[in-house]
Amino acid sequence: GEARGSIAAFLFVRNNDGTFTKLRKVGGAGLAQIDNPESGPSFGVDSLVIPLNRDNKKLARSKLGSYYERFEDGTNSLFVSQAAVQLRDLKVYHGVYKDGEFIPFSDAEPFALS
């Protein structure tokens, strides 16, 4: 596994009216995304945690404020009124780059890329 820093990281939520709210990375670039095979993906240490454990494969937890900004109204969870929820499904999107293609922000923290 590994931890990646990024000043350009963000989370977003689809609102009930179909619009999206973007929550930016705060507190510096560190620990924007953590990928540990034994504990599942995490954004920040606690902003969005999906443990993927055998006992509860669809659990997700969220506590905003330390690593990703809170909502404008001060809400501190991606799940609005709950700190943890059971996911119905999980979709992961990522960039695909050709060999030699420039990857944006890949030089933002050279020590984190080794």
Protein backbone atom coordinates (compact mmCIF):
# COMPACT_ATOMS: atom_id res chain seq x y z
CA GLY A 1 0.00 0.00 0.00
CA GLU A 2 0.92 3.63 -0.15
CA ALA A 3 -0.13 7.14 0.87
CA ARG A 4 -0.25 9.85 -1.78
CA GLY A 5 -0.23 13.56 -1.25
CA SER A 6 -1.90 16.04 -3.59
CA ILE A 7 -2.82 19.68 -3.33
CA ALA A 8 -5.28 19.11 -6.18
CA ALA A 9 -7.26 16.28 -4.51
CA PHE A 10 -10.97 16.64 -3.91
CA LEU A 11 -14.10 14.69 -3.02
CA PHE A 12 -17.50 15.41 -4.44
CA VAL A 13 -21.08 14.64 -3.52
CA ARG A 14 -24.09 14.46 -5.78
CA ASN A 15 -26.87 16.48 -4.20
CA ASN A 16 -30.55 15.51 -4.25
CA ASP A 17 -31.24 18.12 -6.95
CA GLY A 18 -28.62 16.59 -9.28
CA THR A 19 -25.97 19.25 -8.69
CA PHE A 20 -22.55 18.43 -7.25
CA THR A 21 -20.64 19.82 -4.29
CA LYS A 22 -16.85 19.73 -4.50
CA LEU A 23 -14.89 19.45 -1.25
CA ARG A 24 -11.23 20.45 -1.60
CA LYS A 25 -8.20 19.04 0.18
CA VAL A 26 -7.24 21.15 3.21
CA GLY A 27 -4.33 21.17 5.63
CA GLY A 28 -1.65 20.71 2.97
CA ALA A 29 -1.12 18.00 0.40
CA GLY A 30 -0.30 15.12 2.76
CA LEU A 31 -2.43 11.97 2.99
CA ALA A 32 -4.82 12.94 0.21
CA GLN A 33 -5.34 9.25 -0.59
CA ILE A 34 -4.23 6.13 1.24
CA ASP A 35 -4.36 2.72 -0.37
CA ASN A 36 -3.59 -0.17 1.95
CA PRO A 37 -4.54 -3.64 0.71
CA GLU A 38 -5.29 -4.80 4.24
CA SER A 39 -7.62 -1.91 5.06
CA GLY A 40 -9.10 -0.60 1.80
CA PRO A 41 -9.05 2.92 0.30
CA SER A 42 -9.11 6.06 2.38
CA PHE A 43 -9.21 9.74 1.46
CA GLY A 44 -7.51 11.63 4.23
CA VAL A 45 -7.23 9.61 7.40
CA ASP A 46 -10.95 9.92 8.08
CA SER A 47 -12.66 11.98 5.34
CA LEU A 48 -13.83 8.91 3.41
CA VAL A 49 -12.85 5.47 4.63
CA ILE A 50 -14.04 2.25 2.97
CA PRO A 51 -12.48 -0.61 4.98
CA LEU A 52 -13.56 -3.48 2.64
CA ASN A 53 -13.29 -6.00 5.46
CA ARG A 54 -14.83 -9.47 5.32
CA ASP A 55 -17.29 -8.85 8.15
CA ASN A 56 -18.82 -5.72 6.64
CA LYS A 57 -17.78 -5.26 3.00
CA LYS A 58 -20.06 -2.31 2.31
CA LEU A 59 -19.32 -0.07 5.29
CA ALA A 60 -18.15 3.48 4.62
CA ARG A 61 -17.25 6.17 7.16
CA SER A 62 -16.74 9.90 6.80
CA LYS A 63 -15.51 12.73 9.01
CA LEU A 64 -14.70 15.95 7.18
CA GLY A 65 -12.64 18.89 8.35
CA SER A 66 -9.10 17.67 8.98
CA TYR A 67 -8.10 16.58 5.45
CA TYR A 68 -11.02 17.65 3.24
CA GLU A 69 -13.18 20.71 3.75
CA ARG A 70 -16.61 20.55 5.37
CA PHE A 71 -19.80 21.58 3.60
CA GLU A 72 -20.63 25.31 3.63
CA ASP A 73 -23.23 24.76 6.37
CA GLY A 74 -20.64 23.03 8.61
CA THR A 75 -21.80 19.47 7.96
CA ASN A 76 -18.83 17.23 8.65
CA SER A 77 -19.78 13.99 6.88
CA LEU A 78 -20.20 13.07 3.23
CA PHE A 79 -23.29 11.19 4.38
CA VAL A 80 -24.88 14.37 5.80
CA SER A 81 -26.47 13.24 9.10
CA GLN A 82 -24.53 10.00 9.61
CA ALA A 83 -20.86 9.22 10.19
CA ALA A 84 -21.16 5.72 8.68
CA VAL A 85 -23.39 4.08 6.07
CA GLN A 86 -23.82 0.83 4.15
CA LEU A 87 -22.95 1.35 0.47
CA ARG A 88 -25.25 0.04 -2.27
CA ASP A 89 -22.41 0.09 -4.78
CA LEU A 90 -18.95 1.54 -5.22
CA LYS A 91 -17.59 3.09 -8.41
CA VAL A 92 -13.96 4.11 -8.78
CA TYR A 93 -12.78 6.52 -11.48
CA HIS A 94 -9.14 7.11 -12.28
CA GLY A 95 -7.03 8.71 -14.96
CA VAL A 96 -5.37 6.62 -17.64
CA TYR A 97 -2.21 8.00 -19.19
CA LYS A 98 -0.20 6.76 -22.16
CA ASP A 99 3.49 5.97 -21.76
CA GLY A 100 5.36 9.26 -21.78
CA GLU A 101 2.20 11.39 -21.45
CA PHE A 102 2.41 14.29 -18.97
CA ILE A 103 0.55 13.54 -15.73
CA PRO A 104 -0.80 16.76 -14.12
CA PHE A 105 0.60 17.57 -10.65
CA SER A 106 2.95 14.58 -10.80
CA ASP A 107 5.82 16.85 -9.79
CA ALA A 108 3.98 18.58 -6.94
CA GLU A 109 5.68 16.46 -4.28
CA PRO A 110 8.66 14.59 -5.71
CA PHE A 111 9.38 12.79 -2.44
CA ALA A 112 5.90 11.21 -2.46
CA LEU A 113 6.37 9.69 -5.91
CA SER A 114 9.27 7.39 -5.17
